[in-house]
Amino acid sequence: MAGRVVVVDTGYVNSRYFGDHFGNYFQSLQSKLKLSVDCVAESLDRMDVFPACLRGRVSTYAHVYDRDARRFCDADTKLPLTFDFSRDHPQELLVHQQAGGSRSSPCCG
């Protein structure tokens, strides 16, 4: 995933959780770590995305929590909102929406 920009979107419009931009509380010291989606918001729905079920609707998708699998999934398709962190992906946008510190976190997978 070298060369990608990482966007932390804690202010996602369909989220019932944090609901504000990290950038209002923290400042990124890394040029490729953005704490608000504002820098790419207009182009999200045009990007090649993984999981593919979000193509064309990254900015508006809704999520549900699968209690059995203990992870967030796309509300329409019920597919997990994450990707395999151990391999490279050709898509320009990778979406990982999961609870921090859970088994679906990159360091705990």
PDB file of N, CA and C in Angstrom:
ATOM      1  N   MET A   1       0.815  -1.187   0.000  1.00  0.00           N
ATOM      2  CA  MET A   1       0.000   0.000   0.000  1.00  0.00           C
ATOM      3  C   MET A   1       0.862   1.255   0.000  1.00  0.00           C
ATOM      4  N   ALA A   2       2.121   1.094  -0.290  1.00  0.00           N
ATOM      5  CA  ALA A   2       3.021   2.238  -0.291  1.00  0.00           C
ATOM      6  C   ALA A   2       2.542   3.290  -1.274  1.00  0.00           C
ATOM      7  N   GLY A   3       2.660   4.532  -0.880  1.00  0.00           N
ATOM      8  CA  GLY A   3       2.297   5.625  -1.748  1.00  0.00           C
ATOM      9  C   GLY A   3       0.856   6.087  -1.617  1.00  0.00           C
ATOM     10  N   ARG A   4       0.031   5.335  -0.929  1.00  0.00           N
ATOM     11  CA  ARG A   4      -1.371   5.730  -0.770  1.00  0.00           C
ATOM     12  C   ARG A   4      -1.514   6.796   0.308  1.00  0.00           C
ATOM     13  N   VAL A   5      -2.568   7.562   0.169  1.00  0.00           N
ATOM     14  CA  VAL A   5      -2.953   8.513   1.200  1.00  0.00           C
ATOM     15  C   VAL A   5      -3.946   7.817   2.117  1.00  0.00           C
ATOM     16  N   VAL A   6      -3.781   7.964   3.411  1.00  0.00           N
ATOM     17  CA  VAL A   6      -4.698   7.383   4.390  1.00  0.00           C
ATOM     18  C   VAL A   6      -5.600   8.504   4.893  1.00  0.00           C
ATOM     19  N   VAL A   7      -6.914   8.275   4.765  1.00  0.00           N
ATOM     20  CA  VAL A   7      -7.890   9.261   5.220  1.00  0.00           C
ATOM     21  C   VAL A   7      -8.671   8.660   6.380  1.00  0.00           C
ATOM     22  N   VAL A   8      -8.624   9.318   7.520  1.00  0.00           N
ATOM     23  CA  VAL A   8      -9.384   8.888   8.690  1.00  0.00           C
ATOM     24  C   VAL A   8     -10.687   9.683   8.677  1.00  0.00           C
ATOM     25  N   ASP A   9     -11.789   9.000   8.361  1.00  0.00           N
ATOM     26  CA  ASP A   9     -13.080   9.688   8.210  1.00  0.00           C
ATOM     27  C   ASP A   9     -13.986   9.369   9.394  1.00  0.00           C
ATOM     28  N   THR A  10     -13.770  10.043  10.499  1.00  0.00           N
ATOM     29  CA  THR A  10     -14.592   9.831  11.693  1.00  0.00           C
ATOM     30  C   THR A  10     -15.850  10.679  11.673  1.00  0.00           C
ATOM     31  N   GLY A  11     -15.995  11.497  10.650  1.00  0.00           N
ATOM     32  CA  GLY A  11     -17.186  12.338  10.521  1.00  0.00           C
ATOM     33  C   GLY A  11     -18.127  11.842   9.440  1.00  0.00           C
ATOM     34  N   TYR A  12     -18.035  10.555   9.083  1.00  0.00           N
ATOM     35  CA  TYR A  12     -18.835   9.986   7.999  1.00  0.00           C
ATOM     36  C   TYR A  12     -20.319  10.270   8.212  1.00  0.00           C
ATOM     37  N   VAL A  13     -20.968  10.729   7.166  1.00  0.00           N
ATOM     38  CA  VAL A  13     -22.348  11.200   7.244  1.00  0.00           C
ATOM     39  C   VAL A  13     -23.328  10.145   7.767  1.00  0.00           C
ATOM     40  N   ASN A  14     -23.115   8.873   7.491  1.00  0.00           N
ATOM     41  CA  ASN A  14     -24.037   7.828   7.932  1.00  0.00           C
ATOM     42  C   ASN A  14     -23.590   7.122   9.208  1.00  0.00           C
ATOM     43  N   SER A  15     -22.629   7.677   9.900  1.00  0.00           N
ATOM     44  CA  SER A  15     -22.141   7.059  11.130  1.00  0.00           C
ATOM     45  C   SER A  15     -22.976   7.493  12.332  1.00  0.00           C
ATOM     46  N   ARG A  16     -23.195   6.547  13.219  1.00  0.00           N
ATOM     47  CA  ARG A  16     -23.904   6.855  14.466  1.00  0.00           C
ATOM     48  C   ARG A  16     -22.915   7.031  15.618  1.00  0.00           C
ATOM     49  N   TYR A  17     -21.645   7.056  15.317  1.00  0.00           N
ATOM     50  CA  TYR A  17     -20.647   7.046  16.369  1.00  0.00           C
ATOM     51  C   TYR A  17     -19.972   8.404  16.517  1.00  0.00           C
ATOM     52  N   PHE A  18     -18.708   8.498  16.420  1.00  0.00           N
ATOM     53  CA  PHE A  18     -17.947   9.707  16.748  1.00  0.00           C
ATOM     54  C   PHE A  18     -18.557  10.964  16.128  1.00  0.00           C
ATOM     55  N   GLY A  19     -18.775  10.980  14.836  1.00  0.00           N
ATOM     56  CA  GLY A  19     -19.529  12.041  14.186  1.00  0.00           C
ATOM     57  C   GLY A  19     -18.858  13.393  14.037  1.00  0.00           C
ATOM     58  N   ASP A  20     -17.555  13.448  14.147  1.00  0.00           N
ATOM     59  CA  ASP A  20     -16.836  14.698  13.945  1.00  0.00           C
ATOM     60  C   ASP A  20     -15.489  14.357  13.311  1.00  0.00           C
ATOM     61  N   HIS A  21     -14.838  15.339  12.715  1.00  0.00           N
ATOM     62  CA  HIS A  21     -13.559  15.106  12.062  1.00  0.00           C
ATOM     63  C   HIS A  21     -12.422  15.072  13.079  1.00  0.00           C
ATOM     64  N   PHE A  22     -11.553  14.068  12.979  1.00  0.00           N
ATOM     65  CA  PHE A  22     -10.373  13.988  13.836  1.00  0.00           C
ATOM     66  C   PHE A  22      -9.555  15.271  13.737  1.00  0.00           C
ATOM     67  N   GLY A  23      -9.552  15.888  12.561  1.00  0.00           N
ATOM     68  CA  GLY A  23      -8.792  17.105  12.342  1.00  0.00           C
ATOM     69  C   GLY A  23      -9.220  18.259  13.227  1.00  0.00           C
ATOM     70  N   ASN A  24     -10.384  18.163  13.828  1.00  0.00           N
ATOM     71  CA  ASN A  24     -10.817  19.191  14.773  1.00  0.00           C
ATOM     72  C   ASN A  24     -10.155  19.031  16.135  1.00  0.00           C
ATOM     73  N   TYR A  25      -9.483  17.905  16.353  1.00  0.00           N
ATOM     74  CA  TYR A  25      -8.879  17.595  17.649  1.00  0.00           C
ATOM     75  C   TYR A  25      -7.385  17.303  17.576  1.00  0.00           C
ATOM     76  N   PHE A  26      -6.947  16.833  16.402  1.00  0.00           N
ATOM     77  CA  PHE A  26      -5.554  16.423  16.226  1.00  0.00           C
ATOM     78  C   PHE A  26      -4.999  17.032  14.951  1.00  0.00           C
ATOM     79  N   GLN A  27      -3.685  17.104  14.875  1.00  0.00           N
ATOM     80  CA  GLN A  27      -3.014  17.566  13.670  1.00  0.00           C
ATOM     81  C   GLN A  27      -2.110  16.439  13.185  1.00  0.00           C
ATOM     82  N   SER A  28      -2.210  16.097  11.912  1.00  0.00           N
ATOM     83  CA  SER A  28      -1.369  15.054  11.351  1.00  0.00           C
ATOM     84  C   SER A  28       0.034  15.580  11.109  1.00  0.00           C
ATOM     85  N   LEU A  29       1.009  14.814  11.499  1.00  0.00           N
ATOM     86  CA  LEU A  29       2.409  15.167  11.254  1.00  0.00           C
ATOM     87  C   LEU A  29       2.932  14.467  10.009  1.00  0.00           C
ATOM     88  N   GLN A  30       2.089  13.672   9.367  1.00  0.00           N
ATOM     89  CA  GLN A  30       2.459  12.929   8.163  1.00  0.00           C
ATOM     90  C   GLN A  30       1.695  13.496   6.962  1.00  0.00           C
ATOM     91  N   SER A  31       2.379  13.789   5.875  1.00  0.00           N
ATOM     92  CA  SER A  31       1.719  14.394   4.710  1.00  0.00           C
ATOM     93  C   SER A  31       0.701  13.466   4.058  1.00  0.00           C
ATOM     94  N   LYS A  32       0.859  12.163   4.216  1.00  0.00           N
ATOM     95  CA  LYS A  32      -0.065  11.213   3.591  1.00  0.00           C
ATOM     96  C   LYS A  32      -1.132  10.705   4.554  1.00  0.00           C
ATOM     97  N   LEU A  33      -1.218  11.275   5.730  1.00  0.00           N
ATOM     98  CA  LEU A  33      -2.263  10.932   6.691  1.00  0.00           C
ATOM     99  C   LEU A  33      -3.187  12.134   6.849  1.00  0.00           C
ATOM    100  N   LYS A  34      -4.402  11.999   6.328  1.00  0.00           N
ATOM    101  CA  LYS A  34      -5.384  13.081   6.370  1.00  0.00           C
ATOM    102  C   LYS A  34      -6.429  12.750   7.428  1.00  0.00           C
ATOM    103  N   LEU A  35      -6.763  13.708   8.251  1.00  0.00           N
ATOM    104  CA  LEU A  35      -7.703  13.491   9.345  1.00  0.00           C
ATOM    105  C   LEU A  35      -9.100  13.996   9.030  1.00  0.00           C
ATOM    106  N   SER A  36      -9.347  14.255   7.766  1.00  0.00           N
ATOM    107  CA  SER A  36     -10.668  14.652   7.291  1.00  0.00           C
ATOM    108  C   SER A  36     -10.803  14.198   5.846  1.00  0.00           C
ATOM    109  N   VAL A  37     -11.980  13.785   5.474  1.00  0.00           N
ATOM    110  CA  VAL A  37     -12.229  13.321   4.112  1.00  0.00           C
ATOM    111  C   VAL A  37     -12.355  14.483   3.129  1.00  0.00           C
ATOM    112  N   ASP A  38     -12.408  15.700   3.614  1.00  0.00           N
ATOM    113  CA  ASP A  38     -12.612  16.878   2.767  1.00  0.00           C
ATOM    114  C   ASP A  38     -11.633  16.952   1.597  1.00  0.00           C
ATOM    115  N   CYS A  39     -10.409  16.455   1.782  1.00  0.00           N
ATOM    116  CA  CYS A  39      -9.380  16.561   0.745  1.00  0.00           C
ATOM    117  C   CYS A  39      -9.678  15.702  -0.478  1.00  0.00           C
ATOM    118  N   VAL A  40     -10.534  14.690  -0.347  1.00  0.00           N
ATOM    119  CA  VAL A  40     -10.832  13.787  -1.471  1.00  0.00           C
ATOM    120  C   VAL A  40     -12.328  13.560  -1.667  1.00  0.00           C
ATOM    121  N   ALA A  41     -13.165  14.212  -0.915  1.00  0.00           N
ATOM    122  CA  ALA A  41     -14.601  13.934  -0.897  1.00  0.00           C
ATOM    123  C   ALA A  41     -15.251  13.968  -2.277  1.00  0.00           C
ATOM    124  N   GLU A  42     -14.891  14.927  -3.094  1.00  0.00           N
ATOM    125  CA  GLU A  42     -15.536  15.068  -4.387  1.00  0.00           C
ATOM    126  C   GLU A  42     -15.227  13.918  -5.338  1.00  0.00           C
ATOM    127  N   SER A  43     -14.114  13.233  -5.160  1.00  0.00           N
ATOM    128  CA  SER A  43     -13.721  12.180  -6.092  1.00  0.00           C
ATOM    129  C   SER A  43     -13.998  10.761  -5.589  1.00  0.00           C
ATOM    130  N   LEU A  44     -14.460  10.586  -4.379  1.00  0.00           N
ATOM    131  CA  LEU A  44     -14.642   9.249  -3.804  1.00  0.00           C
ATOM    132  C   LEU A  44     -15.512   8.330  -4.659  1.00  0.00           C
ATOM    133  N   ASP A  45     -16.631   8.815  -5.126  1.00  0.00           N
ATOM    134  CA  ASP A  45     -17.562   7.971  -5.863  1.00  0.00           C
ATOM    135  C   ASP A  45     -17.083   7.632  -7.268  1.00  0.00           C
ATOM    136  N   ARG A  46     -16.039   8.287  -7.732  1.00  0.00           N
ATOM    137  CA  ARG A  46     -15.485   7.991  -9.050  1.00  0.00           C
ATOM    138  C   ARG A  46     -14.287   7.048  -8.967  1.00  0.00           C
ATOM    139  N   MET A  47     -13.811   6.771  -7.785  1.00  0.00           N
ATOM    140  CA  MET A  47     -12.614   5.945  -7.611  1.00  0.00           C
ATOM    141  C   MET A  47     -12.922   4.451  -7.731  1.00  0.00           C
ATOM    142  N   ASP A  48     -11.912   3.710  -8.173  1.00  0.00           N
ATOM    143  CA  ASP A  48     -11.970   2.252  -8.164  1.00  0.00           C
ATOM    144  C   ASP A  48     -11.778   1.843  -6.703  1.00  0.00           C
ATOM    145  N   VAL A  49     -12.742   1.132  -6.116  1.00  0.00           N
ATOM    146  CA  VAL A  49     -12.762   0.905  -4.676  1.00  0.00           C
ATOM    147  C   VAL A  49     -12.823  -0.577  -4.321  1.00  0.00           C
ATOM    148  N   PHE A  50     -12.236  -0.911  -3.199  1.00  0.00           N
ATOM    149  CA  PHE A  50     -12.406  -2.226  -2.581  1.00  0.00           C
ATOM    150  C   PHE A  50     -12.875  -1.982  -1.155  1.00  0.00           C
ATOM    151  N   PRO A  51     -13.941  -2.643  -0.748  1.00  0.00           N
ATOM    152  CA  PRO A  51     -14.722  -3.655  -1.443  1.00  0.00           C
ATOM    153  C   PRO A  51     -15.547  -3.072  -2.596  1.00  0.00           C
ATOM    154  N   ALA A  52     -15.623  -3.831  -3.674  1.00  0.00           N
ATOM    155  CA  ALA A  52     -16.266  -3.379  -4.910  1.00  0.00           C
ATOM    156  C   ALA A  52     -17.744  -3.051  -4.735  1.00  0.00           C
ATOM    157  N   CYS A  53     -18.382  -3.596  -3.712  1.00  0.00           N
ATOM    158  CA  CYS A  53     -19.801  -3.319  -3.485  1.00  0.00           C
ATOM    159  C   CYS A  53     -20.068  -1.846  -3.212  1.00  0.00           C
ATOM    160  N   LEU A  54     -19.015  -1.069  -2.903  1.00  0.00           N
ATOM    161  CA  LEU A  54     -19.180   0.352  -2.611  1.00  0.00           C
ATOM    162  C   LEU A  54     -18.981   1.246  -3.834  1.00  0.00           C
ATOM    163  N   ARG A  55     -18.671   0.648  -4.981  1.00  0.00           N
ATOM    164  CA  ARG A  55     -18.411   1.437  -6.193  1.00  0.00           C
ATOM    165  C   ARG A  55     -19.572   2.385  -6.482  1.00  0.00           C
ATOM    166  N   GLY A  56     -19.257   3.656  -6.646  1.00  0.00           N
ATOM    167  CA  GLY A  56     -20.242   4.664  -6.994  1.00  0.00           C
ATOM    168  C   GLY A  56     -21.043   5.207  -5.829  1.00  0.00           C
ATOM    169  N   ARG A  57     -20.809   4.663  -4.619  1.00  0.00           N
ATOM    170  CA  ARG A  57     -21.588   5.120  -3.473  1.00  0.00           C
ATOM    171  C   ARG A  57     -20.770   5.194  -2.178  1.00  0.00           C
ATOM    172  N   VAL A  58     -19.480   5.401  -2.326  1.00  0.00           N
ATOM    173  CA  VAL A  58     -18.606   5.502  -1.152  1.00  0.00           C
ATOM    174  C   VAL A  58     -19.052   6.629  -0.227  1.00  0.00           C
ATOM    175  N   SER A  59     -19.495   7.724  -0.791  1.00  0.00           N
ATOM    176  CA  SER A  59     -19.852   8.876   0.033  1.00  0.00           C
ATOM    177  C   SER A  59     -21.224   8.749   0.690  1.00  0.00           C
ATOM    178  N   THR A  60     -21.985   7.715   0.330  1.00  0.00           N
ATOM    179  CA  THR A  60     -23.357   7.622   0.860  1.00  0.00           C
ATOM    180  C   THR A  60     -23.744   6.254   1.420  1.00  0.00           C
ATOM    181  N   TYR A  61     -22.867   5.250   1.355  1.00  0.00           N
ATOM    182  CA  TYR A  61     -23.256   3.916   1.807  1.00  0.00           C
ATOM    183  C   TYR A  61     -23.637   3.916   3.291  1.00  0.00           C
ATOM    184  N   ALA A  62     -24.457   2.962   3.644  1.00  0.00           N
ATOM    185  CA  ALA A  62     -24.826   2.764   5.059  1.00  0.00           C
ATOM    186  C   ALA A  62     -24.199   1.452   5.533  1.00  0.00           C
ATOM    187  N   HIS A  63     -23.945   1.371   6.808  1.00  0.00           N
ATOM    188  CA  HIS A  63     -23.327   0.163   7.361  1.00  0.00           C
ATOM    189  C   HIS A  63     -24.214  -0.439   8.456  1.00  0.00           C
ATOM    190  N   VAL A  64     -23.984  -1.711   8.723  1.00  0.00           N
ATOM    191  CA  VAL A  64     -24.624  -2.409   9.832  1.00  0.00           C
ATOM    192  C   VAL A  64     -23.537  -3.182  10.556  1.00  0.00           C
ATOM    193  N   TYR A  65     -23.785  -3.480  11.815  1.00  0.00           N
ATOM    194  CA  TYR A  65     -22.815  -4.260  12.588  1.00  0.00           C
ATOM    195  C   TYR A  65     -23.294  -5.698  12.652  1.00  0.00           C
ATOM    196  N   ASP A  66     -22.458  -6.621  12.187  1.00  0.00           N
ATOM    197  CA  ASP A  66     -22.742  -8.056  12.244  1.00  0.00           C
ATOM    198  C   ASP A  66     -22.207  -8.552  13.590  1.00  0.00           C
ATOM    199  N   ARG A  67     -23.094  -8.791  14.534  1.00  0.00           N
ATOM    200  CA  ARG A  67     -22.668  -9.191  15.887  1.00  0.00           C
ATOM    201  C   ARG A  67     -21.992 -10.559  15.909  1.00  0.00           C
ATOM    202  N   ASP A  68     -22.423 -11.469  15.048  1.00  0.00           N
ATOM    203  CA  ASP A  68     -21.806 -12.797  15.012  1.00  0.00           C
ATOM    204  C   ASP A  68     -20.358 -12.722  14.519  1.00  0.00           C
ATOM    205  N   ALA A  69     -20.134 -11.972  13.454  1.00  0.00           N
ATOM    206  CA  ALA A  69     -18.784 -11.838  12.890  1.00  0.00           C
ATOM    207  C   ALA A  69     -17.982 -10.743  13.594  1.00  0.00           C
ATOM    208  N   ARG A  70     -18.669  -9.908  14.391  1.00  0.00           N
ATOM    209  CA  ARG A  70     -18.053  -8.799  15.126  1.00  0.00           C
ATOM    210  C   ARG A  70     -17.319  -7.845  14.200  1.00  0.00           C
ATOM    211  N   ARG A  71     -18.081  -7.365  13.170  1.00  0.00           N
ATOM    212  CA  ARG A  71     -17.505  -6.415  12.233  1.00  0.00           C
ATOM    213  C   ARG A  71     -18.613  -5.638  11.524  1.00  0.00           C
ATOM    214  N   PHE A  72     -18.235  -4.489  10.976  1.00  0.00           N
ATOM    215  CA  PHE A  72     -19.168  -3.687  10.201  1.00  0.00           C
ATOM    216  C   PHE A  72     -19.248  -4.222   8.776  1.00  0.00           C
ATOM    217  N   CYS A  73     -20.458  -4.181   8.228  1.00  0.00           N
ATOM    218  CA  CYS A  73     -20.708  -4.641   6.866  1.00  0.00           C
ATOM    219  C   CYS A  73     -21.531  -3.596   6.121  1.00  0.00           C
ATOM    220  N   ASP A  74     -21.487  -3.665   4.808  1.00  0.00           N
ATOM    221  CA  ASP A  74     -22.322  -2.804   3.978  1.00  0.00           C
ATOM    222  C   ASP A  74     -23.777  -3.192   4.217  1.00  0.00           C
ATOM    223  N   ALA A  75     -24.638  -2.223   4.454  1.00  0.00           N
ATOM    224  CA  ALA A  75     -26.046  -2.508   4.762  1.00  0.00           C
ATOM    225  C   ALA A  75     -26.767  -3.160   3.599  1.00  0.00           C
ATOM    226  N   ASP A  76     -26.406  -2.808   2.369  1.00  0.00           N
ATOM    227  CA  ASP A  76     -27.090  -3.365   1.201  1.00  0.00           C
ATOM    228  C   ASP A  76     -26.668  -4.790   0.875  1.00  0.00           C
ATOM    229  N   THR A  77     -25.363  -5.056   0.899  1.00  0.00           N
ATOM    230  CA  THR A  77     -24.855  -6.364   0.461  1.00  0.00           C
ATOM    231  C   THR A  77     -24.455  -7.288   1.606  1.00  0.00           C
ATOM    232  N   LYS A  78     -24.310  -6.738   2.799  1.00  0.00           N
ATOM    233  CA  LYS A  78     -23.854  -7.465   3.996  1.00  0.00           C
ATOM    234  C   LYS A  78     -22.402  -7.932   3.879  1.00  0.00           C
ATOM    235  N   LEU A  79     -21.650  -7.374   2.931  1.00  0.00           N
ATOM    236  CA  LEU A  79     -20.238  -7.709   2.783  1.00  0.00           C
ATOM    237  C   LEU A  79     -19.409  -6.894   3.766  1.00  0.00           C
ATOM    238  N   PRO A  80     -18.317  -7.469   4.294  1.00  0.00           N
ATOM    239  CA  PRO A  80     -17.470  -6.763   5.261  1.00  0.00           C
ATOM    240  C   PRO A  80     -16.856  -5.503   4.659  1.00  0.00           C
ATOM    241  N   LEU A  81     -16.759  -4.469   5.478  1.00  0.00           N
ATOM    242  CA  LEU A  81     -16.162  -3.208   5.052  1.00  0.00           C
ATOM    243  C   LEU A  81     -14.694  -3.172   5.469  1.00  0.00           C
ATOM    244  N   THR A  82     -13.912  -4.010   4.834  1.00  0.00           N
ATOM    245  CA  THR A  82     -12.485  -4.098   5.109  1.00  0.00           C
ATOM    246  C   THR A  82     -11.790  -4.774   3.938  1.00  0.00           C
ATOM    247  N   PHE A  83     -10.501  -4.972   4.072  1.00  0.00           N
ATOM    248  CA  PHE A  83      -9.695  -5.620   3.041  1.00  0.00           C
ATOM    249  C   PHE A  83      -8.566  -6.378   3.712  1.00  0.00           C
ATOM    250  N   ASP A  84      -7.875  -7.206   2.955  1.00  0.00           N
ATOM    251  CA  ASP A  84      -6.752  -7.991   3.460  1.00  0.00           C
ATOM    252  C   ASP A  84      -5.516  -7.091   3.533  1.00  0.00           C
ATOM    253  N   PHE A  85      -5.101  -6.758   4.731  1.00  0.00           N
ATOM    254  CA  PHE A  85      -3.968  -5.866   4.937  1.00  0.00           C
ATOM    255  C   PHE A  85      -2.632  -6.518   4.574  1.00  0.00           C
ATOM    256  N   SER A  86      -2.610  -7.836   4.405  1.00  0.00           N
ATOM    257  CA  SER A  86      -1.353  -8.523   4.146  1.00  0.00           C
ATOM    258  C   SER A  86      -0.996  -8.595   2.664  1.00  0.00           C
ATOM    259  N   ARG A  87      -1.865  -8.065   1.796  1.00  0.00           N
ATOM    260  CA  ARG A  87      -1.535  -8.107   0.368  1.00  0.00           C
ATOM    261  C   ARG A  87      -1.780  -6.744  -0.279  1.00  0.00           C
ATOM    262  N   ASP A  88      -1.182  -6.574  -1.444  1.00  0.00           N
ATOM    263  CA  ASP A  88      -1.353  -5.332  -2.187  1.00  0.00           C
ATOM    264  C   ASP A  88      -2.668  -5.396  -2.956  1.00  0.00           C
ATOM    265  N   HIS A  89      -3.294  -4.267  -3.146  1.00  0.00           N
ATOM    266  CA  HIS A  89      -4.562  -4.184  -3.868  1.00  0.00           C
ATOM    267  C   HIS A  89      -4.407  -3.181  -5.006  1.00  0.00           C
ATOM    268  N   PRO A  90      -4.935  -3.489  -6.176  1.00  0.00           N
ATOM    269  CA  PRO A  90      -4.802  -2.568  -7.311  1.00  0.00           C
ATOM    270  C   PRO A  90      -5.750  -1.363  -7.230  1.00  0.00           C
ATOM    271  N   GLN A  91      -6.800  -1.451  -6.446  1.00  0.00           N
ATOM    272  CA  GLN A  91      -7.772  -0.358  -6.364  1.00  0.00           C
ATOM    273  C   GLN A  91      -7.119   0.888  -5.759  1.00  0.00           C
ATOM    274  N   GLU A  92      -7.582   2.051  -6.207  1.00  0.00           N
ATOM    275  CA  GLU A  92      -7.012   3.294  -5.692  1.00  0.00           C
ATOM    276  C   GLU A  92      -7.592   3.677  -4.342  1.00  0.00           C
ATOM    277  N   LEU A  93      -8.746   3.116  -3.973  1.00  0.00           N
ATOM    278  CA  LEU A  93      -9.383   3.418  -2.693  1.00  0.00           C
ATOM    279  C   LEU A  93      -9.695   2.120  -1.967  1.00  0.00           C
ATOM    280  N   LEU A  94      -9.202   1.997  -0.752  1.00  0.00           N
ATOM    281  CA  LEU A  94      -9.474   0.839   0.090  1.00  0.00           C
ATOM    282  C   LEU A  94     -10.252   1.320   1.299  1.00  0.00           C
ATOM    283  N   VAL A  95     -11.391   0.696   1.567  1.00  0.00           N
ATOM    284  CA  VAL A  95     -12.232   1.108   2.687  1.00  0.00           C
ATOM    285  C   VAL A  95     -12.109   0.086   3.814  1.00  0.00           C
ATOM    286  N   HIS A  96     -11.809   0.588   4.996  1.00  0.00           N
ATOM    287  CA  HIS A  96     -11.752  -0.241   6.200  1.00  0.00           C
ATOM    288  C   HIS A  96     -12.554   0.484   7.273  1.00  0.00           C
ATOM    289  N   GLN A  97     -13.760   0.012   7.509  1.00  0.00           N
ATOM    290  CA  GLN A  97     -14.594   0.609   8.547  1.00  0.00           C
ATOM    291  C   GLN A  97     -14.858  -0.461   9.594  1.00  0.00           C
ATOM    292  N   GLN A  98     -14.144  -0.351  10.690  1.00  0.00           N
ATOM    293  CA  GLN A  98     -14.280  -1.323  11.761  1.00  0.00           C
ATOM    294  C   GLN A  98     -14.046  -0.624  13.092  1.00  0.00           C
ATOM    295  N   ALA A  99     -14.461  -1.265  14.149  1.00  0.00           N
ATOM    296  CA  ALA A  99     -14.269  -0.709  15.484  1.00  0.00           C
ATOM    297  C   ALA A  99     -12.796  -0.811  15.864  1.00  0.00           C
ATOM    298  N   GLY A 100     -12.253   0.235  16.422  1.00  0.00           N
ATOM    299  CA  GLY A 100     -10.858   0.231  16.841  1.00  0.00           C
ATOM    300  C   GLY A 100     -10.616  -0.760  17.967  1.00  0.00           C
ATOM    301  N   GLY A 101      -9.510  -1.479  17.876  1.00  0.00           N
ATOM    302  CA  GLY A 101      -9.125  -2.407  18.922  1.00  0.00           C
ATOM    303  C   GLY A 101      -9.829  -3.748  18.868  1.00  0.00           C
ATOM    304  N   SER A 102     -10.703  -3.940  17.891  1.00  0.00           N
ATOM    305  CA  SER A 102     -11.405  -5.216  17.795  1.00  0.00           C
ATOM    306  C   SER A 102     -10.552  -6.242  17.059  1.00  0.00           C
ATOM    307  N   ARG A 103     -11.048  -7.447  16.922  1.00  0.00           N
ATOM    308  CA  ARG A 103     -10.304  -8.485  16.203  1.00  0.00           C
ATOM    309  C   ARG A 103     -10.146  -8.143  14.732  1.00  0.00           C
ATOM    310  N   SER A 104     -10.965  -7.225  14.216  1.00  0.00           N
ATOM    311  CA  SER A 104     -10.854  -6.838  12.812  1.00  0.00           C
ATOM    312  C   SER A 104      -9.883  -5.679  12.604  1.00  0.00           C
ATOM    313  N   SER A 105      -9.206  -5.245  13.655  1.00  0.00           N
ATOM    314  CA  SER A 105      -8.196  -4.201  13.517  1.00  0.00           C
ATOM    315  C   SER A 105      -6.986  -4.776  12.782  1.00  0.00           C
ATOM    316  N   PRO A 106      -6.285  -3.954  12.008  1.00  0.00           N
ATOM    317  CA  PRO A 106      -5.155  -4.463  11.215  1.00  0.00           C
ATOM    318  C   PRO A 106      -4.116  -5.212  12.031  1.00  0.00           C
ATOM    319  N   CYS A 107      -3.825  -4.787  13.255  1.00  0.00           N
ATOM    320  CA  CYS A 107      -2.800  -5.441  14.050  1.00  0.00           C
ATOM    321  C   CYS A 107      -3.302  -6.711  14.746  1.00  0.00           C
ATOM    322  N   CYS A 108      -4.588  -6.908  14.765  1.00  0.00           N
ATOM    323  CA  CYS A 108      -5.143  -8.030  15.512  1.00  0.00           C
ATOM    324  C   CYS A 108      -5.778  -9.098  14.628  1.00  0.00           C
ATOM    325  N   GLY A 109      -5.929  -8.814  13.318  1.00  0.00           N
ATOM    326  CA  GLY A 109      -6.647  -9.667  12.382  1.00  0.00           C
ATOM    327  C   GLY A 109      -6.277 -11.074  12.465  1.00  0.00           C
TER     328      GLY A 109
END
